[in-house]
């Protein structure tokens, strides 16, 4: 009998060597889409019981507990990330804990691809494809937000000052990778930020 096997959309690509920031796919991360009302105490308590952390209520924020990270997406939607091997078990536990409460928890690990950019200049690279001003102080580490990137829907997560993850739908992974590779090509630096030191 055949078994389903996950293959990332960028599995055949090697990390580029011609860019001024490093690029790689984060393929081992699982994702769960969680819906419910932040104003429902039972929902919030059940979600915390299953995840080990309170769901963030403030726009563009994240909450972390161990290898579980929760992104605020809207007043009634969160994206939970965890190791891919744990995603289905966690989605099942959420569904069990949330039984009888108006909510939804779905394993969407195969829906998106995650591309990580690291190094000095990552914010400039992202700004080449987005109208977001990442020079503004509103984007400290931990910030997450939806955005239009190179004319497609994407999710931005500022992991650290010089580390950014971009989440895109799987069907746009190759397009996003190619765009980022060109935007980060050596010699195309913008140097919006002054060099540290």
Protein backbone atom coordinates (compact mmCIF):
# COMPACT_ATOMS: atom_id res chain seq x y z
CA UNK A 1 0.00 0.00 0.00
CA UNK A 2 1.29 3.45 -0.88
CA UNK A 3 1.88 5.96 1.88
CA UNK A 4 1.57 9.72 1.50
CA UNK A 5 4.98 11.37 1.54
CA UNK A 6 5.57 15.09 1.99
CA UNK A 7 7.84 16.81 -0.48
CA UNK A 8 8.45 20.50 -0.15
CA UNK A 9 7.83 22.65 -3.24
CA UNK A 10 11.44 23.84 -3.20
CA UNK A 11 13.11 20.50 -2.42
CA UNK A 12 15.10 20.44 -5.65
CA UNK A 13 16.66 23.88 -5.12
CA UNK A 14 20.01 24.54 -3.49
CA UNK A 15 20.67 27.64 -1.41
CA UNK A 16 21.96 30.33 -3.79
CA UNK A 17 25.56 31.53 -3.54
CA UNK A 18 25.09 34.69 -5.62
CA UNK A 19 23.01 36.65 -3.09
CA UNK A 20 24.05 39.13 -0.39
CA UNK A 21 21.67 37.57 2.14
CA UNK A 22 21.26 33.84 2.67
CA UNK A 23 18.08 32.09 1.53
CA UNK A 24 16.70 28.69 2.48
CA UNK A 25 13.41 26.91 2.76
CA UNK A 26 12.10 25.92 6.21
CA UNK A 27 10.46 22.63 5.23
CA UNK A 28 10.20 20.91 8.60
CA UNK A 29 7.65 23.30 10.13
CA UNK A 30 4.04 22.23 10.61
CA UNK A 31 1.14 24.70 10.60
CA UNK A 32 -2.34 24.70 12.12
CA UNK A 33 -5.07 27.20 11.28
CA UNK A 34 -7.07 27.98 14.43
CA UNK A 35 -10.38 29.89 14.38
CA UNK A 36 -12.45 31.02 17.35
CA UNK A 37 -13.55 34.05 19.33
CA UNK A 38 -10.92 35.82 21.42
CA UNK A 39 -13.83 37.03 23.58
CA UNK A 40 -14.88 33.47 24.44
CA UNK A 41 -13.18 32.53 27.73
CA UNK A 42 -13.81 28.82 27.23
CA UNK A 43 -12.20 28.93 23.77
CA UNK A 44 -9.16 30.85 25.04
CA UNK A 45 -8.71 28.52 28.04
CA UNK A 46 -9.05 25.36 25.93
CA UNK A 47 -6.55 26.66 23.36
CA UNK A 48 -4.06 27.48 26.12
CA UNK A 49 -4.52 24.00 27.61
CA UNK A 50 -3.69 22.36 24.28
CA UNK A 51 -0.84 24.71 23.28
CA UNK A 52 0.75 25.63 26.59
CA UNK A 53 0.58 29.35 25.80
CA UNK A 54 -2.08 32.08 25.68
CA UNK A 55 -3.24 33.05 22.21
CA UNK A 56 -1.99 36.57 21.42
CA UNK A 57 -4.77 39.15 21.26
CA UNK A 58 -2.83 42.13 19.93
CA UNK A 59 -2.52 42.63 16.16
CA UNK A 60 0.77 41.58 14.54
CA UNK A 61 2.07 39.77 17.65
CA UNK A 62 3.29 36.27 18.39
CA UNK A 63 3.43 34.03 21.45
CA UNK A 64 5.95 31.23 21.95
CA UNK A 65 6.23 28.22 24.21
CA UNK A 66 9.04 25.78 23.47
CA UNK A 67 8.84 24.81 19.80
CA UNK A 68 5.27 26.12 19.44
CA UNK A 69 4.73 29.59 18.02
CA UNK A 70 1.33 31.27 17.63
CA UNK A 71 0.79 34.13 15.14
CA UNK A 72 -2.12 36.56 15.49
CA UNK A 73 -3.73 36.85 12.05
CA UNK A 74 -7.09 38.50 12.87
CA UNK A 75 -9.44 38.87 15.89
CA UNK A 76 -10.67 35.30 15.31
CA UNK A 77 -7.75 33.58 13.55
CA UNK A 78 -4.32 32.35 14.57
CA UNK A 79 -1.61 30.39 12.76
CA UNK A 80 0.17 27.89 14.97
CA UNK A 81 3.58 26.60 13.94
CA UNK A 82 5.36 23.59 15.39
CA UNK A 83 7.59 20.74 14.19
CA UNK A 84 5.88 19.09 11.21
CA UNK A 85 5.86 15.69 12.95
CA UNK A 86 3.76 17.13 15.80
CA UNK A 87 1.24 19.10 13.73
CA UNK A 88 -1.48 16.47 13.29
CA UNK A 89 -1.28 15.37 16.92
CA UNK A 90 -1.56 18.99 18.04
CA UNK A 91 -4.48 19.70 15.69
CA UNK A 92 -6.25 16.60 17.03
CA UNK A 93 -5.63 17.70 20.63
CA UNK A 94 -6.99 21.16 19.88
CA UNK A 95 -10.12 19.68 18.29
CA UNK A 96 -10.61 17.44 21.32
CA UNK A 97 -10.10 20.27 23.85
CA UNK A 98 -12.34 22.60 21.83
CA UNK A 99 -15.20 20.09 21.41
CA UNK A 100 -18.52 21.84 21.96
CA UNK A 101 -16.94 25.30 21.56
CA UNK A 102 -17.55 27.25 18.33
CA UNK A 103 -14.09 26.87 16.76
CA UNK A 104 -12.00 25.18 14.07
CA UNK A 105 -8.49 23.68 14.15
CA UNK A 106 -7.08 22.31 10.88
CA UNK A 107 -3.64 20.99 9.99
CA UNK A 108 -2.57 23.12 7.01
CA UNK A 109 1.11 22.13 6.98
CA UNK A 110 1.09 21.39 3.24
CA UNK A 111 -0.64 24.65 2.31
CA UNK A 112 2.30 27.03 2.56
CA UNK A 113 6.03 27.21 1.91
CA UNK A 114 8.35 29.17 4.20
CA UNK A 115 11.42 30.96 2.86
CA UNK A 116 13.93 32.28 5.39
CA UNK A 117 16.17 35.25 4.64
CA UNK A 118 19.16 35.87 6.92
CA UNK A 119 21.87 38.50 7.05
CA UNK A 120 22.41 42.21 6.85
CA UNK A 121 20.05 43.64 4.24
CA UNK A 122 17.09 41.26 4.62
CA UNK A 123 14.67 44.13 5.24
CA UNK A 124 15.78 45.89 2.07
CA UNK A 125 15.30 42.69 0.07
CA UNK A 126 11.73 42.30 1.35
CA UNK A 127 10.95 45.98 0.68
CA UNK A 128 11.83 45.47 -3.00
CA UNK A 129 8.64 43.41 -3.32
CA UNK A 130 6.37 45.11 -0.80
CA UNK A 131 4.97 48.53 0.07
CA UNK A 132 5.70 47.89 3.77
CA UNK A 133 8.27 50.27 5.27
CA UNK A 134 10.48 47.96 7.32
CA UNK A 135 12.72 50.88 8.27
CA UNK A 136 9.95 51.94 10.67
CA UNK A 137 10.15 50.96 14.34
CA UNK A 138 6.82 49.12 14.12
CA UNK A 139 8.57 45.93 12.97
CA UNK A 140 10.64 44.59 15.88
CA UNK A 141 11.44 40.88 16.23
CA UNK A 142 8.25 38.90 16.80
CA UNK A 143 6.16 40.99 14.42
CA UNK A 144 3.91 39.07 12.06
CA UNK A 145 1.61 40.48 9.39
CA UNK A 146 -0.08 39.66 6.15
CA UNK A 147 1.15 41.57 3.12
CA UNK A 148 1.18 41.77 -0.63
CA UNK A 149 4.60 40.62 -1.78
CA UNK A 150 5.52 40.76 -5.47
CA UNK A 151 1.77 40.96 -6.20
CA UNK A 152 0.86 37.80 -4.25
CA UNK A 153 -0.56 37.15 -0.78
CA UNK A 154 2.15 36.46 1.80
CA UNK A 155 2.81 36.44 5.51
CA UNK A 156 5.84 38.21 6.99
CA UNK A 157 7.43 37.13 10.27
CA UNK A 158 10.32 39.14 11.69
CA UNK A 159 12.19 36.41 13.57
CA UNK A 160 15.17 38.59 14.53
CA UNK A 161 16.52 41.93 13.29
CA UNK A 162 18.33 40.24 10.39
CA UNK A 163 16.17 37.12 10.03
CA UNK A 164 12.80 37.18 8.23
CA UNK A 165 10.50 34.33 7.24
CA UNK A 166 8.10 34.75 4.34
CA UNK A 167 5.13 32.38 4.15
CA UNK A 168 3.47 31.95 0.75
CA UNK A 169 0.95 29.52 -0.68
CA UNK A 170 2.67 26.43 -1.99
CA UNK A 171 1.79 27.12 -5.62
CA UNK A 172 3.69 30.43 -5.44
CA UNK A 173 6.83 29.04 -3.76
CA UNK A 174 8.99 28.84 -6.89
CA UNK A 175 7.86 32.31 -8.05
CA UNK A 176 8.66 33.82 -4.63
CA UNK A 177 12.04 32.06 -4.47
CA UNK A 178 12.99 33.36 -7.92
CA UNK A 179 11.85 36.90 -7.06
CA UNK A 180 13.82 36.93 -3.80
CA UNK A 181 16.90 35.52 -5.47
CA UNK A 182 16.88 38.31 -8.03
CA UNK A 183 16.09 40.96 -5.40
CA UNK A 184 19.01 39.75 -3.26
CA UNK A 185 21.52 39.32 -6.08
CA UNK A 186 24.99 40.60 -5.21
CA UNK A 187 25.42 44.08 -6.63
CA UNK A 188 21.76 45.02 -6.18
CA UNK A 189 22.14 46.19 -2.57
CA UNK A 190 20.13 49.28 -1.65
CA UNK A 191 21.72 49.98 1.77
CA UNK A 192 18.65 51.69 3.24
CA UNK A 193 19.96 50.94 6.72
CA UNK A 194 23.29 52.31 7.94
CA UNK A 195 25.95 49.69 8.59
CA UNK A 196 26.25 48.74 12.27
CA UNK A 197 29.41 49.72 14.12
